[in-house]
């Protein structure tokens, strides 16, 4: 069994899929996303979908932390586009 750590995907679903294909995880392998699945890239929702599909676990990064704080109504500075993106996420 391997533990495969992947970090700073930042919403880049195509690249995330390429990494997954490259490491070719087996059924006994564990994939751990070590923060920052969202923001910056074009498809943060798809990145989260892929993570769920492959059964990955994740460590909360600063970008996820900010999104959670925003969802809880805490004041955070974000763009209108980011607010629209985060509104699609559930906590």
PDB file of N, CA and C in Angstrom:
ATOM      1  N   UNK A   1       0.844  -1.178   0.000  1.00  0.00           N
ATOM      2  CA  UNK A   1       0.000   0.000   0.000  1.00  0.00           C
ATOM      3  C   UNK A   1       0.887   1.239   0.000  1.00  0.00           C
ATOM      4  N   UNK A   2       0.528   2.188  -0.848  1.00  0.00           N
ATOM      5  CA  UNK A   2       1.245   3.466  -0.891  1.00  0.00           C
ATOM      6  C   UNK A   2       0.340   4.570  -0.363  1.00  0.00           C
ATOM      7  N   UNK A   3       0.965   5.562   0.217  1.00  0.00           N
ATOM      8  CA  UNK A   3       0.287   6.812   0.512  1.00  0.00           C
ATOM      9  C   UNK A   3       0.830   7.828  -0.474  1.00  0.00           C
ATOM     10  N   UNK A   4      -0.054   8.361  -1.294  1.00  0.00           N
ATOM     11  CA  UNK A   4       0.331   9.288  -2.356  1.00  0.00           C
ATOM     12  C   UNK A   4      -0.131  10.676  -1.940  1.00  0.00           C
ATOM     13  N   UNK A   5       0.809  11.565  -1.704  1.00  0.00           N
ATOM     14  CA  UNK A   5       0.491  12.929  -1.277  1.00  0.00           C
ATOM     15  C   UNK A   5       0.570  13.861  -2.490  1.00  0.00           C
ATOM     16  N   UNK A   6      -0.483  14.641  -2.674  1.00  0.00           N
ATOM     17  CA  UNK A   6      -0.554  15.599  -3.771  1.00  0.00           C
ATOM     18  C   UNK A   6      -0.961  16.940  -3.171  1.00  0.00           C
ATOM     19  N   UNK A   7      -0.234  17.979  -3.499  1.00  0.00           N
ATOM     20  CA  UNK A   7      -0.544  19.283  -2.935  1.00  0.00           C
ATOM     21  C   UNK A   7      -0.717  20.365  -3.967  1.00  0.00           C
ATOM     22  N   UNK A   8      -1.398  21.412  -3.570  1.00  0.00           N
ATOM     23  CA  UNK A   8      -1.539  22.633  -4.361  1.00  0.00           C
ATOM     24  C   UNK A   8      -2.088  22.395  -5.762  1.00  0.00           C
ATOM     25  N   UNK A   9      -3.186  21.691  -5.841  1.00  0.00           N
ATOM     26  CA  UNK A   9      -3.843  21.452  -7.128  1.00  0.00           C
ATOM     27  C   UNK A   9      -4.482  22.750  -7.647  1.00  0.00           C
ATOM     28  N   UNK A  10      -4.977  23.569  -6.752  1.00  0.00           N
ATOM     29  CA  UNK A  10      -5.495  24.906  -7.059  1.00  0.00           C
ATOM     30  C   UNK A  10      -6.481  24.958  -8.227  1.00  0.00           C
ATOM     31  N   UNK A  11      -7.418  24.042  -8.252  1.00  0.00           N
ATOM     32  CA  UNK A  11      -8.482  24.113  -9.254  1.00  0.00           C
ATOM     33  C   UNK A  11      -8.096  23.690 -10.652  1.00  0.00           C
ATOM     34  N   UNK A  12      -6.965  23.038 -10.806  1.00  0.00           N
ATOM     35  CA  UNK A  12      -6.491  22.606 -12.130  1.00  0.00           C
ATOM     36  C   UNK A  12      -6.832  21.127 -12.329  1.00  0.00           C
ATOM     37  N   UNK A  13      -8.062  20.875 -12.758  1.00  0.00           N
ATOM     38  CA  UNK A  13      -8.578  19.509 -12.857  1.00  0.00           C
ATOM     39  C   UNK A  13      -7.818  18.669 -13.874  1.00  0.00           C
ATOM     40  N   UNK A  14      -7.513  19.236 -15.019  1.00  0.00           N
ATOM     41  CA  UNK A  14      -6.819  18.472 -16.061  1.00  0.00           C
ATOM     42  C   UNK A  14      -5.447  18.001 -15.566  1.00  0.00           C
ATOM     43  N   UNK A  15      -4.746  18.876 -14.899  1.00  0.00           N
ATOM     44  CA  UNK A  15      -3.427  18.523 -14.369  1.00  0.00           C
ATOM     45  C   UNK A  15      -3.552  17.506 -13.232  1.00  0.00           C
ATOM     46  N   UNK A  16      -4.587  17.657 -12.412  1.00  0.00           N
ATOM     47  CA  UNK A  16      -4.837  16.708 -11.332  1.00  0.00           C
ATOM     48  C   UNK A  16      -5.094  15.315 -11.906  1.00  0.00           C
ATOM     49  N   UNK A  17      -5.921  15.255 -12.934  1.00  0.00           N
ATOM     50  CA  UNK A  17      -6.180  13.961 -13.589  1.00  0.00           C
ATOM     51  C   UNK A  17      -4.898  13.367 -14.164  1.00  0.00           C
ATOM     52  N   UNK A  18      -4.029  14.201 -14.710  1.00  0.00           N
ATOM     53  CA  UNK A  18      -2.763  13.721 -15.265  1.00  0.00           C
ATOM     54  C   UNK A  18      -1.867  13.142 -14.170  1.00  0.00           C
ATOM     55  N   UNK A  19      -1.844  13.792 -13.014  1.00  0.00           N
ATOM     56  CA  UNK A  19      -1.049  13.275 -11.898  1.00  0.00           C
ATOM     57  C   UNK A  19      -1.596  11.929 -11.440  1.00  0.00           C
ATOM     58  N   UNK A  20      -2.905  11.843 -11.312  1.00  0.00           N
ATOM     59  CA  UNK A  20      -3.528  10.580 -10.897  1.00  0.00           C
ATOM     60  C   UNK A  20      -3.187   9.474 -11.895  1.00  0.00           C
ATOM     61  N   UNK A  21      -3.282   9.771 -13.175  1.00  0.00           N
ATOM     62  CA  UNK A  21      -2.947   8.772 -14.205  1.00  0.00           C
ATOM     63  C   UNK A  21      -1.475   8.368 -14.110  1.00  0.00           C
ATOM     64  N   UNK A  22      -0.607   9.319 -13.829  1.00  0.00           N
ATOM     65  CA  UNK A  22       0.823   9.048 -13.768  1.00  0.00           C
ATOM     66  C   UNK A  22       1.174   8.136 -12.590  1.00  0.00           C
ATOM     67  N   UNK A  23       0.567   8.357 -11.433  1.00  0.00           N
ATOM     68  CA  UNK A  23       0.888   7.524 -10.271  1.00  0.00           C
ATOM     69  C   UNK A  23       0.099   6.216 -10.270  1.00  0.00           C
ATOM     70  N   UNK A  24      -0.953   6.150 -11.075  1.00  0.00           N
ATOM     71  CA  UNK A  24      -1.764   4.932 -11.234  1.00  0.00           C
ATOM     72  C   UNK A  24      -2.053   4.252  -9.899  1.00  0.00           C
ATOM     73  N   UNK A  25      -2.848   4.899  -9.050  1.00  0.00           N
ATOM     74  CA  UNK A  25      -3.108   4.302  -7.736  1.00  0.00           C
ATOM     75  C   UNK A  25      -3.873   2.989  -7.831  1.00  0.00           C
ATOM     76  N   UNK A  26      -3.467   2.042  -6.998  1.00  0.00           N
ATOM     77  CA  UNK A  26      -4.175   0.780  -6.900  1.00  0.00           C
ATOM     78  C   UNK A  26      -5.252   0.862  -5.840  1.00  0.00           C
ATOM     79  N   UNK A  27      -6.017  -0.186  -5.740  1.00  0.00           N
ATOM     80  CA  UNK A  27      -7.149  -0.185  -4.800  1.00  0.00           C
ATOM     81  C   UNK A  27      -6.700  -0.093  -3.345  1.00  0.00           C
ATOM     82  N   UNK A  28      -5.485  -0.477  -3.037  1.00  0.00           N
ATOM     83  CA  UNK A  28      -4.965  -0.424  -1.673  1.00  0.00           C
ATOM     84  C   UNK A  28      -4.260   0.890  -1.369  1.00  0.00           C
ATOM     85  N   UNK A  29      -4.028   1.709  -2.371  1.00  0.00           N
ATOM     86  CA  UNK A  29      -3.328   2.975  -2.172  1.00  0.00           C
ATOM     87  C   UNK A  29      -4.250   4.027  -1.577  1.00  0.00           C
ATOM     88  N   UNK A  30      -3.646   4.946  -0.849  1.00  0.00           N
ATOM     89  CA  UNK A  30      -4.376   6.055  -0.256  1.00  0.00           C
ATOM     90  C   UNK A  30      -3.852   7.352  -0.863  1.00  0.00           C
ATOM     91  N   UNK A  31      -4.771   8.183  -1.348  1.00  0.00           N
ATOM     92  CA  UNK A  31      -4.382   9.478  -1.907  1.00  0.00           C
ATOM     93  C   UNK A  31      -4.762  10.555  -0.903  1.00  0.00           C
ATOM     94  N   UNK A  32      -3.774  11.371  -0.555  1.00  0.00           N
ATOM     95  CA  UNK A  32      -3.985  12.458   0.397  1.00  0.00           C
ATOM     96  C   UNK A  32      -3.683  13.765  -0.318  1.00  0.00           C
ATOM     97  N   UNK A  33      -4.663  14.642  -0.365  1.00  0.00           N
ATOM     98  CA  UNK A  33      -4.460  15.964  -0.939  1.00  0.00           C
ATOM     99  C   UNK A  33      -4.068  16.874   0.220  1.00  0.00           C
ATOM    100  N   UNK A  34      -2.878  17.421   0.128  1.00  0.00           N
ATOM    101  CA  UNK A  34      -2.323  18.156   1.267  1.00  0.00           C
ATOM    102  C   UNK A  34      -2.541  19.663   1.138  1.00  0.00           C
ATOM    103  N   UNK A  35      -3.783  20.021   0.903  1.00  0.00           N
ATOM    104  CA  UNK A  35      -4.179  21.418   0.919  1.00  0.00           C
ATOM    105  C   UNK A  35      -4.273  22.073  -0.436  1.00  0.00           C
ATOM    106  N   UNK A  36      -5.114  23.078  -0.481  1.00  0.00           N
ATOM    107  CA  UNK A  36      -5.286  23.958  -1.630  1.00  0.00           C
ATOM    108  C   UNK A  36      -5.762  23.243  -2.897  1.00  0.00           C
ATOM    109  N   UNK A  37      -6.924  22.616  -2.765  1.00  0.00           N
ATOM    110  CA  UNK A  37      -7.586  22.029  -3.931  1.00  0.00           C
ATOM    111  C   UNK A  37      -8.240  23.099  -4.791  1.00  0.00           C
ATOM    112  N   UNK A  38      -8.674  24.190  -4.165  1.00  0.00           N
ATOM    113  CA  UNK A  38      -9.500  25.182  -4.856  1.00  0.00           C
ATOM    114  C   UNK A  38      -8.719  26.459  -5.152  1.00  0.00           C
ATOM    115  N   UNK A  39      -9.374  27.326  -5.906  1.00  0.00           N
ATOM    116  CA  UNK A  39      -8.900  28.669  -6.253  1.00  0.00           C
ATOM    117  C   UNK A  39      -7.809  28.648  -7.332  1.00  0.00           C
ATOM    118  N   UNK A  40      -7.660  29.752  -7.950  1.00  0.00           N
ATOM    119  CA  UNK A  40      -6.672  30.036  -8.988  1.00  0.00           C
ATOM    120  C   UNK A  40      -6.997  29.371 -10.323  1.00  0.00           C
ATOM    121  N   UNK A  41      -7.135  28.061 -10.374  1.00  0.00           N
ATOM    122  CA  UNK A  41      -7.374  27.355 -11.628  1.00  0.00           C
ATOM    123  C   UNK A  41      -8.822  27.419 -12.077  1.00  0.00           C
ATOM    124  N   UNK A  42      -9.090  26.908 -13.283  1.00  0.00           N
ATOM    125  CA  UNK A  42     -10.412  27.068 -13.888  1.00  0.00           C
ATOM    126  C   UNK A  42     -11.504  26.123 -13.402  1.00  0.00           C
ATOM    127  N   UNK A  43     -11.157  25.020 -12.724  1.00  0.00           N
ATOM    128  CA  UNK A  43     -12.177  24.014 -12.399  1.00  0.00           C
ATOM    129  C   UNK A  43     -12.078  23.488 -10.962  1.00  0.00           C
ATOM    130  N   UNK A  44     -12.222  24.350  -9.963  1.00  0.00           N
ATOM    131  CA  UNK A  44     -12.106  23.852  -8.595  1.00  0.00           C
ATOM    132  C   UNK A  44     -13.197  22.845  -8.229  1.00  0.00           C
ATOM    133  N   UNK A  45     -14.396  23.039  -8.748  1.00  0.00           N
ATOM    134  CA  UNK A  45     -15.469  22.080  -8.472  1.00  0.00           C
ATOM    135  C   UNK A  45     -15.157  20.706  -9.025  1.00  0.00           C
ATOM    136  N   UNK A  46     -14.598  20.673 -10.215  1.00  0.00           N
ATOM    137  CA  UNK A  46     -14.219  19.390 -10.827  1.00  0.00           C
ATOM    138  C   UNK A  46     -13.099  18.721 -10.026  1.00  0.00           C
ATOM    139  N   UNK A  47     -12.160  19.506  -9.517  1.00  0.00           N
ATOM    140  CA  UNK A  47     -11.093  18.937  -8.684  1.00  0.00           C
ATOM    141  C   UNK A  47     -11.705  18.235  -7.480  1.00  0.00           C
ATOM    142  N   UNK A  48     -12.670  18.878  -6.826  1.00  0.00           N
ATOM    143  CA  UNK A  48     -13.315  18.258  -5.670  1.00  0.00           C
ATOM    144  C   UNK A  48     -14.090  17.011  -6.078  1.00  0.00           C
ATOM    145  N   UNK A  49     -14.736  17.056  -7.243  1.00  0.00           N
ATOM    146  CA  UNK A  49     -15.448  15.867  -7.734  1.00  0.00           C
ATOM    147  C   UNK A  49     -14.484  14.707  -7.955  1.00  0.00           C
ATOM    148  N   UNK A  50     -13.356  14.978  -8.576  1.00  0.00           N
ATOM    149  CA  UNK A  50     -12.355  13.935  -8.823  1.00  0.00           C
ATOM    150  C   UNK A  50     -11.863  13.361  -7.496  1.00  0.00           C
ATOM    151  N   UNK A  51     -11.569  14.239  -6.550  1.00  0.00           N
ATOM    152  CA  UNK A  51     -11.091  13.779  -5.238  1.00  0.00           C
ATOM    153  C   UNK A  51     -12.103  12.827  -4.600  1.00  0.00           C
ATOM    154  N   UNK A  52     -13.377  13.179  -4.693  1.00  0.00           N
ATOM    155  CA  UNK A  52     -14.420  12.297  -4.142  1.00  0.00           C
ATOM    156  C   UNK A  52     -14.473  10.972  -4.902  1.00  0.00           C
ATOM    157  N   UNK A  53     -14.408  11.053  -6.232  1.00  0.00           N
ATOM    158  CA  UNK A  53     -14.503   9.852  -7.068  1.00  0.00           C
ATOM    159  C   UNK A  53     -13.396   8.856  -6.765  1.00  0.00           C
ATOM    160  N   UNK A  54     -12.197   9.339  -6.476  1.00  0.00           N
ATOM    161  CA  UNK A  54     -11.071   8.437  -6.230  1.00  0.00           C
ATOM    162  C   UNK A  54     -10.906   8.110  -4.752  1.00  0.00           C
ATOM    163  N   UNK A  55     -11.776   8.660  -3.920  1.00  0.00           N
ATOM    164  CA  UNK A  55     -11.731   8.369  -2.492  1.00  0.00           C
ATOM    165  C   UNK A  55     -10.573   9.027  -1.765  1.00  0.00           C
ATOM    166  N   UNK A  56     -10.117  10.145  -2.265  1.00  0.00           N
ATOM    167  CA  UNK A  56      -9.009  10.859  -1.626  1.00  0.00           C
ATOM    168  C   UNK A  56      -9.462  11.474  -0.312  1.00  0.00           C
ATOM    169  N   UNK A  57      -8.515  11.634   0.571  1.00  0.00           N
ATOM    170  CA  UNK A  57      -8.742  12.403   1.785  1.00  0.00           C
ATOM    171  C   UNK A  57      -7.932  13.682   1.634  1.00  0.00           C
ATOM    172  N   UNK A  58      -8.282  14.694   2.417  1.00  0.00           N
ATOM    173  CA  UNK A  58      -7.552  15.947   2.261  1.00  0.00           C
ATOM    174  C   UNK A  58      -7.267  16.606   3.589  1.00  0.00           C
ATOM    175  N   UNK A  59      -6.238  17.413   3.554  1.00  0.00           N
ATOM    176  CA  UNK A  59      -5.883  18.279   4.656  1.00  0.00           C
ATOM    177  C   UNK A  59      -6.311  19.676   4.231  1.00  0.00           C
ATOM    178  N   UNK A  60      -6.951  20.394   5.111  1.00  0.00           N
ATOM    179  CA  UNK A  60      -7.439  21.724   4.775  1.00  0.00           C
ATOM    180  C   UNK A  60      -6.268  22.690   4.584  1.00  0.00           C
ATOM    181  N   UNK A  61      -6.232  23.314   3.413  1.00  0.00           N
ATOM    182  CA  UNK A  61      -5.243  24.341   3.145  1.00  0.00           C
ATOM    183  C   UNK A  61      -5.797  25.716   3.451  1.00  0.00           C
ATOM    184  N   UNK A  62      -4.975  26.719   3.292  1.00  0.00           N
ATOM    185  CA  UNK A  62      -5.427  28.073   3.596  1.00  0.00           C
ATOM    186  C   UNK A  62      -6.542  28.529   2.662  1.00  0.00           C
ATOM    187  N   UNK A  63      -6.580  28.042   1.432  1.00  0.00           N
ATOM    188  CA  UNK A  63      -7.658  28.423   0.512  1.00  0.00           C
ATOM    189  C   UNK A  63      -8.987  27.794   0.934  1.00  0.00           C
ATOM    190  N   UNK A  64      -8.966  26.540   1.341  1.00  0.00           N
ATOM    191  CA  UNK A  64     -10.184  25.908   1.844  1.00  0.00           C
ATOM    192  C   UNK A  64     -10.636  26.569   3.141  1.00  0.00           C
ATOM    193  N   UNK A  65      -9.676  26.895   3.988  1.00  0.00           N
ATOM    194  CA  UNK A  65     -10.011  27.556   5.249  1.00  0.00           C
ATOM    195  C   UNK A  65     -10.724  28.884   5.002  1.00  0.00           C
ATOM    196  N   UNK A  66     -10.234  29.639   4.047  1.00  0.00           N
ATOM    197  CA  UNK A  66     -10.865  30.928   3.734  1.00  0.00           C
ATOM    198  C   UNK A  66     -12.276  30.724   3.196  1.00  0.00           C
ATOM    199  N   UNK A  67     -12.457  29.712   2.346  1.00  0.00           N
ATOM    200  CA  UNK A  67     -13.787  29.420   1.799  1.00  0.00           C
ATOM    201  C   UNK A  67     -14.761  29.016   2.913  1.00  0.00           C
ATOM    202  N   UNK A  68     -14.291  28.230   3.846  1.00  0.00           N
ATOM    203  CA  UNK A  68     -15.141  27.819   4.965  1.00  0.00           C
ATOM    204  C   UNK A  68     -15.511  29.024   5.823  1.00  0.00           C
ATOM    205  N   UNK A  69     -14.536  29.873   6.098  1.00  0.00           N
ATOM    206  CA  UNK A  69     -14.834  31.090   6.880  1.00  0.00           C
ATOM    207  C   UNK A  69     -15.872  31.942   6.156  1.00  0.00           C
ATOM    208  N   UNK A  70     -15.751  32.080   4.840  1.00  0.00           N
ATOM    209  CA  UNK A  70     -16.711  32.851   4.050  1.00  0.00           C
ATOM    210  C   UNK A  70     -18.102  32.238   4.147  1.00  0.00           C
ATOM    211  N   UNK A  71     -18.185  30.901   4.028  1.00  0.00           N
ATOM    212  CA  UNK A  71     -19.476  30.213   4.131  1.00  0.00           C
ATOM    213  C   UNK A  71     -20.120  30.417   5.499  1.00  0.00           C
ATOM    214  N   UNK A  72     -19.307  30.572   6.510  1.00  0.00           N
ATOM    215  CA  UNK A  72     -19.831  30.766   7.870  1.00  0.00           C
ATOM    216  C   UNK A  72     -20.169  32.227   8.160  1.00  0.00           C
ATOM    217  N   UNK A  73     -19.993  33.087   7.168  1.00  0.00           N
ATOM    218  CA  UNK A  73     -20.366  34.477   7.327  1.00  0.00           C
ATOM    219  C   UNK A  73     -19.289  35.375   7.887  1.00  0.00           C
ATOM    220  N   UNK A  74     -18.087  34.864   8.015  1.00  0.00           N
ATOM    221  CA  UNK A  74     -16.984  35.688   8.496  1.00  0.00           C
ATOM    222  C   UNK A  74     -16.509  36.617   7.391  1.00  0.00           C
ATOM    223  N   UNK A  75     -16.073  37.803   7.722  1.00  0.00           N
ATOM    224  CA  UNK A  75     -15.625  38.733   6.690  1.00  0.00           C
ATOM    225  C   UNK A  75     -14.285  38.304   6.084  1.00  0.00           C
ATOM    226  N   UNK A  76     -14.302  38.030   4.802  1.00  0.00           N
ATOM    227  CA  UNK A  76     -13.078  37.748   4.051  1.00  0.00           C
ATOM    228  C   UNK A  76     -13.140  38.548   2.753  1.00  0.00           C
ATOM    229  N   UNK A  77     -12.003  38.978   2.284  1.00  0.00           N
ATOM    230  CA  UNK A  77     -11.954  39.754   1.051  1.00  0.00           C
ATOM    231  C   UNK A  77     -11.784  38.803  -0.132  1.00  0.00           C
ATOM    232  N   UNK A  78     -12.812  38.782  -0.997  1.00  0.00           N
ATOM    233  CA  UNK A  78     -12.751  37.962  -2.203  1.00  0.00           C
ATOM    234  C   UNK A  78     -13.438  38.706  -3.343  1.00  0.00           C
ATOM    235  N   UNK A  79     -13.124  38.287  -4.542  1.00  0.00           N
ATOM    236  CA  UNK A  79     -13.732  38.898  -5.721  1.00  0.00           C
ATOM    237  C   UNK A  79     -15.149  38.360  -5.910  1.00  0.00           C
ATOM    238  N   UNK A  80     -15.977  39.068  -6.678  1.00  0.00           N
ATOM    239  CA  UNK A  80     -17.314  38.548  -6.981  1.00  0.00           C
ATOM    240  C   UNK A  80     -17.257  37.184  -7.691  1.00  0.00           C
ATOM    241  N   UNK A  81     -16.268  36.991  -8.548  1.00  0.00           N
ATOM    242  CA  UNK A  81     -16.139  35.697  -9.234  1.00  0.00           C
ATOM    243  C   UNK A  81     -15.842  34.583  -8.239  1.00  0.00           C
ATOM    244  N   UNK A  82     -14.988  34.864  -7.267  1.00  0.00           N
ATOM    245  CA  UNK A  82     -14.658  33.866  -6.251  1.00  0.00           C
ATOM    246  C   UNK A  82     -15.885  33.566  -5.406  1.00  0.00           C
ATOM    247  N   UNK A  83     -16.659  34.582  -5.048  1.00  0.00           N
ATOM    248  CA  UNK A  83     -17.884  34.377  -4.268  1.00  0.00           C
ATOM    249  C   UNK A  83     -18.857  33.479  -5.020  1.00  0.00           C
ATOM    250  N   UNK A  84     -18.978  33.688  -6.325  1.00  0.00           N
ATOM    251  CA  UNK A  84     -19.862  32.852  -7.144  1.00  0.00           C
ATOM    252  C   UNK A  84     -19.372  31.405  -7.154  1.00  0.00           C
ATOM    253  N   UNK A  85     -18.067  31.239  -7.278  1.00  0.00           N
ATOM    254  CA  UNK A  85     -17.461  29.903  -7.277  1.00  0.00           C
ATOM    255  C   UNK A  85     -17.714  29.214  -5.937  1.00  0.00           C
ATOM    256  N   UNK A  86     -17.418  29.911  -4.845  1.00  0.00           N
ATOM    257  CA  UNK A  86     -17.564  29.319  -3.525  1.00  0.00           C
ATOM    258  C   UNK A  86     -19.008  29.054  -3.167  1.00  0.00           C
ATOM    259  N   UNK A  87     -19.931  29.804  -3.721  1.00  0.00           N
ATOM    260  CA  UNK A  87     -21.354  29.603  -3.426  1.00  0.00           C
ATOM    261  C   UNK A  87     -21.811  28.211  -3.876  1.00  0.00           C
ATOM    262  N   UNK A  88     -21.104  27.615  -4.809  1.00  0.00           N
ATOM    263  CA  UNK A  88     -21.437  26.271  -5.294  1.00  0.00           C
ATOM    264  C   UNK A  88     -20.985  25.178  -4.349  1.00  0.00           C
ATOM    265  N   UNK A  89     -20.065  25.504  -3.455  1.00  0.00           N
ATOM    266  CA  UNK A  89     -19.503  24.513  -2.542  1.00  0.00           C
ATOM    267  C   UNK A  89     -20.372  24.379  -1.301  1.00  0.00           C
ATOM    268  N   UNK A  90     -20.329  23.213  -0.690  1.00  0.00           N
ATOM    269  CA  UNK A  90     -20.962  23.011   0.602  1.00  0.00           C
ATOM    270  C   UNK A  90     -19.870  22.771   1.620  1.00  0.00           C
ATOM    271  N   UNK A  91     -20.163  23.064   2.848  1.00  0.00           N
ATOM    272  CA  UNK A  91     -19.135  22.877   3.888  1.00  0.00           C
ATOM    273  C   UNK A  91     -19.349  21.598   4.627  1.00  0.00           C
TER     274      UNK A  91
END
